[in-house]
């Protein structure tokens, strides 16, 4: 699993002109899933994400987690994170998991992240044409890939 985590002041997802989800301060997370990904990958990411210390403490130092900061999380599926650009100029998405694999793992990830956060995470809609709007705070952007966890 590959994620792009952005610390945001606010973020939202709109589908067909209707706001599906919106958050205030917290994380906007793009997640890409490949066929080889497992629940173990999702569990590892959930632990890392909720404990990632990138929110300011009382001294203005990035020393608090999203849990400690009382932040919210918005998760959006994005198969294009699995793009390969090794050959030519047209990305290949052959590594991206097919929906029958990706959807259950995406739902599992969102559910486990909700449990770890102690509140529901907001989501996009898997496979939908989404308009994502956010205000990156910092900017702070962290990429994590479960294939690089050791």
N, C-alpha and C. Protein backbone atom coordinates (compact mmCIF):
# COMPACT_ATOMS: atom_id res chain seq x y z
N UNK A 1 0.86 -1.18 0.00
CA UNK A 1 0.00 0.00 0.00
C UNK A 1 0.89 1.22 0.00
N UNK A 2 0.45 2.20 -0.72
CA UNK A 2 1.20 3.45 -0.84
C UNK A 2 0.27 4.59 -0.45
N UNK A 3 0.77 5.49 0.40
CA UNK A 3 -0.05 6.63 0.83
C UNK A 3 0.69 7.94 0.66
N UNK A 4 -0.09 8.97 0.43
CA UNK A 4 0.39 10.35 0.48
C UNK A 4 -0.46 11.00 1.56
N UNK A 5 0.19 11.45 2.63
CA UNK A 5 -0.49 12.01 3.79
C UNK A 5 -0.20 13.51 3.83
N UNK A 6 -1.24 14.30 3.81
CA UNK A 6 -1.07 15.75 3.85
C UNK A 6 -1.74 16.31 5.10
N UNK A 7 -0.98 17.11 5.85
CA UNK A 7 -1.57 17.81 6.98
C UNK A 7 -2.36 18.97 6.40
N UNK A 8 -3.63 19.05 6.76
CA UNK A 8 -4.51 20.06 6.16
C UNK A 8 -5.22 20.91 7.21
N UNK A 9 -5.57 22.13 6.79
CA UNK A 9 -6.45 22.97 7.60
C UNK A 9 -7.90 22.58 7.35
N UNK A 10 -8.17 22.13 6.11
CA UNK A 10 -9.48 21.57 5.75
C UNK A 10 -9.33 20.82 4.44
N UNK A 11 -10.25 19.89 4.20
CA UNK A 11 -10.26 19.12 2.96
C UNK A 11 -11.67 18.61 2.70
N UNK A 12 -11.98 18.39 1.42
CA UNK A 12 -13.30 17.87 1.08
C UNK A 12 -13.24 17.07 -0.22
N UNK A 13 -14.24 16.23 -0.40
CA UNK A 13 -14.41 15.44 -1.62
C UNK A 13 -15.81 15.71 -2.15
N UNK A 14 -15.88 16.08 -3.43
CA UNK A 14 -17.15 16.33 -4.09
C UNK A 14 -17.31 15.35 -5.25
N UNK A 15 -18.51 14.76 -5.34
CA UNK A 15 -18.82 13.81 -6.40
C UNK A 15 -20.11 14.29 -7.07
N UNK A 16 -20.05 14.47 -8.38
CA UNK A 16 -21.21 14.95 -9.15
C UNK A 16 -21.81 16.22 -8.55
N UNK A 17 -20.95 17.13 -8.11
CA UNK A 17 -21.40 18.41 -7.59
C UNK A 17 -21.91 18.39 -6.16
N UNK A 18 -21.86 17.22 -5.51
CA UNK A 18 -22.35 17.08 -4.14
C UNK A 18 -21.17 16.74 -3.22
N UNK A 19 -21.05 17.49 -2.12
CA UNK A 19 -19.98 17.22 -1.15
C UNK A 19 -20.26 15.91 -0.44
N UNK A 20 -19.37 14.94 -0.65
CA UNK A 20 -19.52 13.62 0.00
C UNK A 20 -18.96 13.65 1.41
N UNK A 21 -17.80 14.31 1.59
CA UNK A 21 -17.13 14.35 2.88
C UNK A 21 -16.33 15.63 3.01
N UNK A 22 -16.19 16.09 4.24
CA UNK A 22 -15.37 17.27 4.51
C UNK A 22 -14.81 17.16 5.93
N UNK A 23 -13.58 17.63 6.10
CA UNK A 23 -12.96 17.65 7.42
C UNK A 23 -12.35 19.03 7.67
N UNK A 24 -12.07 19.27 8.93
CA UNK A 24 -11.30 20.44 9.31
C UNK A 24 -9.87 19.97 9.52
N UNK A 25 -9.17 20.53 10.49
CA UNK A 25 -7.76 20.20 10.73
C UNK A 25 -7.54 18.69 10.84
N UNK A 26 -6.51 18.22 10.15
CA UNK A 26 -6.18 16.81 10.22
C UNK A 26 -5.35 16.34 9.05
N UNK A 27 -5.64 15.11 8.59
CA UNK A 27 -4.92 14.49 7.48
C UNK A 27 -5.86 14.23 6.32
N UNK A 28 -5.40 14.55 5.12
CA UNK A 28 -6.04 14.10 3.89
C UNK A 28 -5.10 13.04 3.35
N UNK A 29 -5.60 11.82 3.21
CA UNK A 29 -4.76 10.69 2.82
C UNK A 29 -5.22 10.11 1.49
N UNK A 30 -4.29 10.06 0.54
CA UNK A 30 -4.52 9.34 -0.72
C UNK A 30 -3.92 7.96 -0.52
N UNK A 31 -4.64 6.92 -0.91
CA UNK A 31 -4.14 5.55 -0.73
C UNK A 31 -4.26 4.76 -2.03
N UNK A 32 -3.14 4.12 -2.38
CA UNK A 32 -3.09 3.23 -3.54
C UNK A 32 -2.84 1.81 -3.07
N UNK A 33 -3.52 0.86 -3.67
CA UNK A 33 -3.44 -0.54 -3.25
C UNK A 33 -2.99 -1.39 -4.43
N UNK A 34 -2.07 -2.32 -4.16
CA UNK A 34 -1.64 -3.27 -5.19
C UNK A 34 -2.07 -4.67 -4.80
N UNK A 35 -2.04 -5.59 -5.76
CA UNK A 35 -2.53 -6.96 -5.54
C UNK A 35 -1.86 -7.65 -4.35
N UNK A 36 -0.59 -7.39 -4.10
CA UNK A 36 0.14 -8.08 -3.04
C UNK A 36 -0.14 -7.54 -1.65
N UNK A 37 -0.88 -6.44 -1.53
CA UNK A 37 -1.15 -5.84 -0.23
C UNK A 37 -2.09 -6.69 0.61
N UNK A 38 -1.91 -6.61 1.93
CA UNK A 38 -2.66 -7.43 2.87
C UNK A 38 -3.20 -6.60 4.03
N UNK A 39 -3.98 -7.25 4.89
CA UNK A 39 -4.46 -6.60 6.12
C UNK A 39 -3.28 -6.16 6.98
N UNK A 40 -2.20 -6.93 6.97
CA UNK A 40 -1.00 -6.57 7.74
C UNK A 40 -0.45 -5.22 7.27
N UNK A 41 -0.45 -4.98 5.97
CA UNK A 41 0.00 -3.69 5.45
C UNK A 41 -0.90 -2.56 5.94
N UNK A 42 -2.21 -2.78 5.88
CA UNK A 42 -3.17 -1.77 6.33
C UNK A 42 -3.00 -1.49 7.83
N UNK A 43 -2.81 -2.55 8.61
CA UNK A 43 -2.63 -2.38 10.06
C UNK A 43 -1.38 -1.57 10.37
N UNK A 44 -0.29 -1.86 9.67
CA UNK A 44 0.97 -1.13 9.88
C UNK A 44 0.78 0.34 9.56
N UNK A 45 0.13 0.64 8.43
CA UNK A 45 -0.11 2.03 8.05
C UNK A 45 -0.98 2.75 9.07
N UNK A 46 -2.03 2.10 9.53
CA UNK A 46 -2.91 2.73 10.53
C UNK A 46 -2.13 3.13 11.77
N UNK A 47 -1.31 2.23 12.28
CA UNK A 47 -0.50 2.54 13.47
C UNK A 47 0.44 3.70 13.22
N UNK A 48 1.10 3.69 12.07
CA UNK A 48 2.04 4.77 11.74
C UNK A 48 1.32 6.11 11.58
N UNK A 49 0.20 6.10 10.90
CA UNK A 49 -0.50 7.34 10.59
C UNK A 49 -1.02 8.02 11.85
N UNK A 50 -1.71 7.29 12.72
CA UNK A 50 -2.29 7.95 13.90
C UNK A 50 -1.23 8.40 14.90
N UNK A 51 -0.03 7.85 14.79
CA UNK A 51 1.04 8.24 15.71
C UNK A 51 2.08 9.16 15.08
N UNK A 52 1.90 9.52 13.83
CA UNK A 52 2.83 10.40 13.11
C UNK A 52 2.81 11.79 13.75
N UNK A 53 3.94 12.20 14.28
CA UNK A 53 4.01 13.46 15.04
C UNK A 53 4.38 14.63 14.13
N UNK A 54 3.36 15.22 13.50
CA UNK A 54 3.58 16.34 12.59
C UNK A 54 2.68 17.55 12.90
N UNK A 55 2.01 17.52 14.05
CA UNK A 55 1.21 18.66 14.48
C UNK A 55 1.96 19.41 15.57
N UNK A 56 1.85 20.73 15.55
CA UNK A 56 2.61 21.57 16.48
C UNK A 56 2.17 21.39 17.92
N UNK A 57 3.16 21.39 18.82
CA UNK A 57 2.88 21.42 20.25
C UNK A 57 2.82 22.88 20.70
N UNK A 58 2.78 23.11 22.00
CA UNK A 58 2.65 24.47 22.53
C UNK A 58 3.87 25.35 22.22
N UNK A 59 4.98 24.73 21.82
CA UNK A 59 6.19 25.47 21.47
C UNK A 59 6.36 25.65 19.96
N UNK A 60 5.36 25.24 19.19
CA UNK A 60 5.44 25.37 17.74
C UNK A 60 6.31 24.32 17.09
N UNK A 61 6.60 23.23 17.81
CA UNK A 61 7.42 22.14 17.29
C UNK A 61 6.50 21.00 16.86
N UNK A 62 6.77 20.41 15.69
CA UNK A 62 5.96 19.28 15.23
C UNK A 62 6.24 18.09 16.15
N UNK A 63 5.36 17.92 17.14
CA UNK A 63 5.61 16.92 18.17
C UNK A 63 4.31 16.22 18.61
N UNK A 64 3.19 16.52 17.96
CA UNK A 64 1.91 15.91 18.33
C UNK A 64 1.37 15.08 17.17
N UNK A 65 0.68 14.02 17.53
CA UNK A 65 0.03 13.17 16.54
C UNK A 65 -1.36 13.72 16.22
N UNK A 66 -1.99 13.16 15.21
CA UNK A 66 -3.35 13.55 14.87
C UNK A 66 -4.29 13.23 16.04
N UNK A 67 -3.99 12.18 16.78
CA UNK A 67 -4.77 11.84 17.97
C UNK A 67 -4.67 12.95 19.01
N UNK A 68 -3.43 13.34 19.33
CA UNK A 68 -3.19 14.37 20.35
C UNK A 68 -3.71 15.74 19.92
N UNK A 69 -3.71 16.00 18.62
CA UNK A 69 -4.16 17.29 18.11
C UNK A 69 -5.68 17.34 17.93
N UNK A 70 -6.36 16.20 18.13
CA UNK A 70 -7.81 16.16 17.94
C UNK A 70 -8.21 16.32 16.49
N UNK A 71 -7.33 15.89 15.58
CA UNK A 71 -7.57 16.06 14.16
C UNK A 71 -8.50 15.03 13.56
N UNK A 72 -8.93 15.33 12.35
CA UNK A 72 -9.80 14.44 11.60
C UNK A 72 -9.01 13.84 10.43
N UNK A 73 -9.58 12.82 9.79
CA UNK A 73 -8.90 12.18 8.65
C UNK A 73 -9.91 11.98 7.52
N UNK A 74 -9.45 12.29 6.31
CA UNK A 74 -10.20 12.03 5.07
C UNK A 74 -9.35 11.10 4.23
N UNK A 75 -9.90 9.96 3.82
CA UNK A 75 -9.18 8.97 3.02
C UNK A 75 -9.81 8.88 1.63
N UNK A 76 -8.96 8.98 0.61
CA UNK A 76 -9.41 8.91 -0.78
C UNK A 76 -8.60 7.84 -1.51
N UNK A 77 -9.30 6.89 -2.14
CA UNK A 77 -8.60 5.86 -2.92
C UNK A 77 -8.03 6.50 -4.18
N UNK A 78 -6.82 6.09 -4.54
CA UNK A 78 -6.20 6.66 -5.74
C UNK A 78 -5.26 5.63 -6.37
N UNK A 79 -5.79 4.89 -7.33
CA UNK A 79 -5.01 3.84 -7.99
C UNK A 79 -3.80 4.41 -8.72
N UNK A 80 -3.83 5.69 -9.10
CA UNK A 80 -2.71 6.27 -9.85
C UNK A 80 -1.44 6.37 -9.01
N UNK A 81 -1.55 6.20 -7.70
CA UNK A 81 -0.33 6.16 -6.86
C UNK A 81 0.53 4.94 -7.20
N UNK A 82 -0.07 3.94 -7.82
CA UNK A 82 0.67 2.73 -8.17
C UNK A 82 1.26 2.80 -9.58
N UNK A 83 1.23 3.97 -10.19
CA UNK A 83 1.72 4.13 -11.56
C UNK A 83 3.20 3.81 -11.70
N UNK A 84 3.53 3.19 -12.80
CA UNK A 84 4.93 2.96 -13.18
C UNK A 84 5.21 3.86 -14.37
N UNK A 85 6.31 4.61 -14.27
CA UNK A 85 6.68 5.53 -15.35
C UNK A 85 8.04 5.18 -15.93
N UNK A 86 8.44 3.91 -15.79
CA UNK A 86 9.76 3.48 -16.25
C UNK A 86 9.92 3.56 -17.76
N UNK A 87 8.88 3.21 -18.49
CA UNK A 87 8.98 3.18 -19.95
C UNK A 87 8.00 4.16 -20.56
N UNK A 88 8.46 4.94 -21.49
CA UNK A 88 7.58 5.85 -22.22
C UNK A 88 7.04 6.98 -21.36
N UNK A 89 6.01 7.63 -21.89
CA UNK A 89 5.41 8.77 -21.20
C UNK A 89 4.00 8.50 -20.71
N UNK A 90 3.47 7.34 -21.01
CA UNK A 90 2.13 6.99 -20.54
C UNK A 90 2.28 6.04 -19.35
N UNK A 91 1.83 6.46 -18.16
CA UNK A 91 1.98 5.60 -16.98
C UNK A 91 1.27 4.26 -17.15
N UNK A 92 1.86 3.24 -16.56
CA UNK A 92 1.24 1.92 -16.52
C UNK A 92 0.69 1.71 -15.11
N UNK A 93 -0.52 1.18 -15.04
CA UNK A 93 -1.16 0.94 -13.74
C UNK A 93 -1.30 -0.55 -13.45
N UNK A 94 -0.42 -1.34 -14.06
CA UNK A 94 -0.51 -2.79 -13.92
C UNK A 94 -0.35 -3.26 -12.47
N UNK A 95 0.36 -2.48 -11.64
CA UNK A 95 0.55 -2.84 -10.23
C UNK A 95 -0.67 -2.56 -9.37
N UNK A 96 -1.57 -1.71 -9.84
CA UNK A 96 -2.76 -1.36 -9.06
C UNK A 96 -3.67 -2.59 -8.95
N UNK A 97 -4.19 -2.81 -7.74
CA UNK A 97 -5.07 -3.95 -7.50
C UNK A 97 -6.39 -3.77 -8.24
N UNK A 98 -6.93 -4.87 -8.67
CA UNK A 98 -8.25 -4.86 -9.30
C UNK A 98 -9.30 -4.59 -8.21
N UNK A 99 -10.45 -4.06 -8.59
CA UNK A 99 -11.46 -3.70 -7.58
C UNK A 99 -11.84 -4.82 -6.61
N UNK A 100 -11.89 -6.06 -7.09
CA UNK A 100 -12.28 -7.16 -6.19
C UNK A 100 -11.28 -7.36 -5.05
N UNK A 101 -10.05 -6.94 -5.24
CA UNK A 101 -9.04 -6.97 -4.18
C UNK A 101 -8.97 -5.64 -3.45
N UNK A 102 -8.98 -4.57 -4.22
CA UNK A 102 -8.76 -3.23 -3.65
C UNK A 102 -9.91 -2.74 -2.78
N UNK A 103 -11.15 -2.95 -3.19
CA UNK A 103 -12.29 -2.41 -2.44
C UNK A 103 -12.35 -2.97 -1.02
N UNK A 104 -12.28 -4.30 -0.83
CA UNK A 104 -12.33 -4.81 0.54
C UNK A 104 -11.15 -4.32 1.39
N UNK A 105 -9.97 -4.20 0.80
CA UNK A 105 -8.81 -3.74 1.57
C UNK A 105 -8.91 -2.24 1.88
N UNK A 106 -9.43 -1.46 0.96
CA UNK A 106 -9.68 -0.04 1.19
C UNK A 106 -10.68 0.13 2.34
N UNK A 107 -11.76 -0.63 2.31
CA UNK A 107 -12.77 -0.55 3.37
C UNK A 107 -12.20 -1.01 4.71
N UNK A 108 -11.39 -2.05 4.69
CA UNK A 108 -10.74 -2.52 5.92
C UNK A 108 -9.82 -1.43 6.47
N UNK A 109 -9.01 -0.82 5.60
CA UNK A 109 -8.09 0.24 6.01
C UNK A 109 -8.87 1.40 6.66
N UNK A 110 -9.93 1.84 6.03
CA UNK A 110 -10.73 2.95 6.56
C UNK A 110 -11.35 2.59 7.90
N UNK A 111 -11.84 1.37 8.03
CA UNK A 111 -12.44 0.92 9.29
C UNK A 111 -11.40 0.85 10.40
N UNK A 112 -10.25 0.26 10.12
CA UNK A 112 -9.20 0.15 11.13
C UNK A 112 -8.64 1.52 11.51
N UNK A 113 -8.56 2.42 10.54
CA UNK A 113 -8.10 3.78 10.83
C UNK A 113 -9.11 4.50 11.72
N UNK A 114 -10.40 4.27 11.49
CA UNK A 114 -11.44 4.84 12.36
C UNK A 114 -11.29 4.34 13.79
N UNK A 115 -11.05 3.06 13.93
CA UNK A 115 -10.86 2.47 15.27
C UNK A 115 -9.65 3.09 15.95
N UNK A 116 -8.54 3.18 15.23
CA UNK A 116 -7.30 3.73 15.78
C UNK A 116 -7.45 5.20 16.14
N UNK A 117 -8.22 5.94 15.36
CA UNK A 117 -8.44 7.37 15.60
C UNK A 117 -9.47 7.61 16.70
N UNK A 118 -10.36 6.65 16.89
CA UNK A 118 -11.40 6.79 17.90
C UNK A 118 -12.61 7.55 17.40
N UNK A 119 -12.71 7.74 16.09
CA UNK A 119 -13.87 8.37 15.45
C UNK A 119 -13.86 7.99 13.98
N UNK A 120 -15.00 8.15 13.35
CA UNK A 120 -15.12 7.81 11.93
C UNK A 120 -14.18 8.67 11.08
N UNK A 121 -13.55 8.03 10.11
CA UNK A 121 -12.79 8.80 9.13
C UNK A 121 -13.74 9.10 7.97
N UNK A 122 -13.54 10.25 7.36
CA UNK A 122 -14.31 10.63 6.18
C UNK A 122 -13.68 9.92 4.98
N UNK A 123 -14.48 9.65 3.96
CA UNK A 123 -13.95 8.95 2.79
C UNK A 123 -14.48 9.56 1.51
N UNK A 124 -13.79 9.19 0.45
CA UNK A 124 -14.29 9.45 -0.88
C UNK A 124 -15.16 8.25 -1.25
N UNK A 125 -15.30 8.01 -2.55
CA UNK A 125 -16.06 6.86 -3.02
C UNK A 125 -15.18 6.10 -4.00
N UNK A 126 -14.88 4.87 -3.68
CA UNK A 126 -13.96 4.08 -4.48
C UNK A 126 -14.42 4.05 -5.93
N UNK A 127 -13.51 4.40 -6.84
CA UNK A 127 -13.77 4.34 -8.27
C UNK A 127 -14.53 5.52 -8.85
N UNK A 128 -14.99 6.44 -8.01
CA UNK A 128 -15.77 7.59 -8.51
C UNK A 128 -14.84 8.66 -9.05
N UNK A 129 -15.39 9.51 -9.90
CA UNK A 129 -14.69 10.70 -10.38
C UNK A 129 -14.88 11.76 -9.29
N UNK A 130 -13.83 11.99 -8.51
CA UNK A 130 -13.93 12.87 -7.35
C UNK A 130 -13.17 14.16 -7.57
N UNK A 131 -13.69 15.22 -7.02
CA UNK A 131 -13.00 16.50 -6.96
C UNK A 131 -12.55 16.67 -5.53
N UNK A 132 -11.25 16.71 -5.33
CA UNK A 132 -10.68 16.81 -3.99
C UNK A 132 -10.12 18.21 -3.80
N UNK A 133 -10.54 18.85 -2.73
CA UNK A 133 -10.07 20.19 -2.42
C UNK A 133 -9.44 20.15 -1.04
N UNK A 134 -8.29 20.83 -0.89
CA UNK A 134 -7.64 20.85 0.41
C UNK A 134 -6.78 22.08 0.54
N UNK A 135 -6.52 22.43 1.79
CA UNK A 135 -5.57 23.47 2.10
C UNK A 135 -4.46 22.80 2.89
N UNK A 136 -3.33 22.54 2.21
CA UNK A 136 -2.19 21.89 2.85
C UNK A 136 -1.62 22.86 3.87
N UNK A 137 -1.46 22.39 5.11
CA UNK A 137 -1.00 23.21 6.22
C UNK A 137 0.48 22.97 6.44
N UNK A 138 1.29 23.95 6.14
CA UNK A 138 2.74 23.85 6.38
C UNK A 138 3.57 24.37 5.22
N UNK A 139 3.61 23.71 4.11
CA UNK A 139 2.97 22.44 3.79
C UNK A 139 3.69 21.26 4.45
N UNK A 140 2.91 20.27 4.83
CA UNK A 140 3.45 19.02 5.36
C UNK A 140 2.86 17.90 4.52
N UNK A 141 3.71 17.16 3.83
CA UNK A 141 3.30 16.03 3.00
C UNK A 141 4.27 14.88 3.25
N UNK A 142 3.73 13.73 3.64
CA UNK A 142 4.53 12.55 3.96
C UNK A 142 4.06 11.39 3.08
N UNK A 143 5.01 10.71 2.44
CA UNK A 143 4.69 9.52 1.65
C UNK A 143 5.12 8.29 2.43
N UNK A 144 4.26 7.28 2.43
CA UNK A 144 4.58 6.00 3.08
C UNK A 144 4.22 4.88 2.13
N UNK A 145 5.08 3.87 2.08
CA UNK A 145 4.85 2.69 1.26
C UNK A 145 5.17 1.48 2.11
N UNK A 146 4.22 0.57 2.22
CA UNK A 146 4.43 -0.60 3.07
C UNK A 146 5.53 -1.51 2.54
N UNK A 147 5.94 -1.32 1.30
CA UNK A 147 7.05 -2.12 0.77
C UNK A 147 8.40 -1.61 1.27
N UNK A 148 8.38 -0.44 1.93
CA UNK A 148 9.61 0.16 2.48
C UNK A 148 9.57 0.29 3.98
N UNK A 149 8.86 -0.59 4.67
CA UNK A 149 8.68 -0.42 6.11
C UNK A 149 9.83 -0.94 6.96
N UNK A 150 10.80 -1.56 6.35
CA UNK A 150 11.92 -2.05 7.16
C UNK A 150 13.23 -1.40 6.80
